[in-house]
């Protein structure tokens, strides 16, 4: 599972940027970078990211595989 890759692809597909995503999650840009660098993100974080992109969790995760 590569959440950073899933996030990059979802951002590109939806023509959004990291600033937009950080705002959706209530994070600073720096906090978003830390979350994306984690090897094993929490289920809650995957859920929040998928929701921000209006996707189900399995489709979001599949983007990075």
C-alpha atoms as a PDB file:
ATOM      1  CA  UNK A   1       0.000   0.000   0.000  1.00  0.00           C
ATOM      2  CA  UNK A   2       1.499   3.305  -1.088  1.00  0.00           C
ATOM      3  CA  UNK A   3      -0.650   6.117   0.268  1.00  0.00           C
ATOM      4  CA  UNK A   4       1.629   8.826  -1.114  1.00  0.00           C
ATOM      5  CA  UNK A   5       1.182   7.390  -4.616  1.00  0.00           C
ATOM      6  CA  UNK A   6      -2.582   7.017  -4.143  1.00  0.00           C
ATOM      7  CA  UNK A   7      -2.753  10.620  -3.001  1.00  0.00           C
ATOM      8  CA  UNK A   8      -0.657  11.950  -5.893  1.00  0.00           C
ATOM      9  CA  UNK A   9      -2.784  10.090  -8.437  1.00  0.00           C
ATOM     10  CA  UNK A  10      -6.076  11.188  -6.852  1.00  0.00           C
ATOM     11  CA  UNK A  11      -4.882  14.803  -6.760  1.00  0.00           C
ATOM     12  CA  UNK A  12      -3.929  14.656 -10.435  1.00  0.00           C
ATOM     13  CA  UNK A  13      -7.165  12.948 -11.484  1.00  0.00           C
ATOM     14  CA  UNK A  14      -9.245  15.551  -9.695  1.00  0.00           C
ATOM     15  CA  UNK A  15      -6.997  18.460 -10.660  1.00  0.00           C
ATOM     16  CA  UNK A  16      -6.449  19.441  -7.038  1.00  0.00           C
ATOM     17  CA  UNK A  17      -3.276  20.359  -5.187  1.00  0.00           C
ATOM     18  CA  UNK A  18      -1.763  19.475  -1.829  1.00  0.00           C
ATOM     19  CA  UNK A  19      -2.852  22.787  -0.355  1.00  0.00           C
ATOM     20  CA  UNK A  20      -6.474  21.897  -1.139  1.00  0.00           C
ATOM     21  CA  UNK A  21      -6.041  18.469   0.453  1.00  0.00           C
ATOM     22  CA  UNK A  22      -4.427  19.879   3.583  1.00  0.00           C
ATOM     23  CA  UNK A  23      -7.381  22.260   3.962  1.00  0.00           C
ATOM     24  CA  UNK A  24      -9.886  19.393   3.489  1.00  0.00           C
ATOM     25  CA  UNK A  25      -8.173  17.418   6.246  1.00  0.00           C
ATOM     26  CA  UNK A  26      -7.645  20.390   8.558  1.00  0.00           C
ATOM     27  CA  UNK A  27      -3.861  19.929   8.373  1.00  0.00           C
ATOM     28  CA  UNK A  28      -0.952  22.209   7.721  1.00  0.00           C
ATOM     29  CA  UNK A  29       1.052  21.462   4.587  1.00  0.00           C
ATOM     30  CA  UNK A  30       3.841  20.113   6.810  1.00  0.00           C
ATOM     31  CA  UNK A  31       1.499  17.735   8.656  1.00  0.00           C
ATOM     32  CA  UNK A  32       0.188  16.432   5.344  1.00  0.00           C
ATOM     33  CA  UNK A  33       3.774  15.671   4.273  1.00  0.00           C
ATOM     34  CA  UNK A  34       4.341  13.671   7.458  1.00  0.00           C
ATOM     35  CA  UNK A  35       1.126  11.691   6.953  1.00  0.00           C
ATOM     36  CA  UNK A  36       1.990  10.901   3.344  1.00  0.00           C
ATOM     37  CA  UNK A  37       5.475   9.695   4.282  1.00  0.00           C
ATOM     38  CA  UNK A  38       4.210   7.036   6.716  1.00  0.00           C
ATOM     39  CA  UNK A  39       4.722   3.463   5.592  1.00  0.00           C
ATOM     40  CA  UNK A  40       1.632   2.181   7.407  1.00  0.00           C
ATOM     41  CA  UNK A  41      -1.074   4.839   7.676  1.00  0.00           C
ATOM     42  CA  UNK A  42      -3.940   4.245  10.056  1.00  0.00           C
ATOM     43  CA  UNK A  43      -7.294   3.049   8.825  1.00  0.00           C
ATOM     44  CA  UNK A  44      -8.748   6.339   9.997  1.00  0.00           C
ATOM     45  CA  UNK A  45      -6.298   8.297   7.839  1.00  0.00           C
ATOM     46  CA  UNK A  46      -7.093   6.198   4.778  1.00  0.00           C
ATOM     47  CA  UNK A  47     -10.775   6.796   5.435  1.00  0.00           C
ATOM     48  CA  UNK A  48     -10.244  10.560   5.744  1.00  0.00           C
ATOM     49  CA  UNK A  49      -8.196  10.727   2.558  1.00  0.00           C
ATOM     50  CA  UNK A  50     -10.716   8.677   0.597  1.00  0.00           C
ATOM     51  CA  UNK A  51     -13.547  10.859   1.870  1.00  0.00           C
ATOM     52  CA  UNK A  52     -11.696  14.039   0.852  1.00  0.00           C
ATOM     53  CA  UNK A  53     -11.508  12.669  -2.690  1.00  0.00           C
ATOM     54  CA  UNK A  54     -15.106  11.419  -2.575  1.00  0.00           C
ATOM     55  CA  UNK A  55     -13.926   7.853  -3.152  1.00  0.00           C
ATOM     56  CA  UNK A  56     -14.426   4.597  -1.306  1.00  0.00           C
ATOM     57  CA  UNK A  57     -11.409   3.380   0.625  1.00  0.00           C
ATOM     58  CA  UNK A  58     -10.613   0.361  -1.532  1.00  0.00           C
ATOM     59  CA  UNK A  59     -10.610   2.432  -4.745  1.00  0.00           C
ATOM     60  CA  UNK A  60      -8.358   5.033  -3.125  1.00  0.00           C
ATOM     61  CA  UNK A  61      -5.871   2.427  -1.889  1.00  0.00           C
ATOM     62  CA  UNK A  62      -5.907   0.658  -5.283  1.00  0.00           C
ATOM     63  CA  UNK A  63      -4.601   3.813  -6.966  1.00  0.00           C
ATOM     64  CA  UNK A  64      -1.251   3.299  -5.239  1.00  0.00           C
ATOM     65  CA  UNK A  65      -0.837  -0.377  -6.009  1.00  0.00           C
END
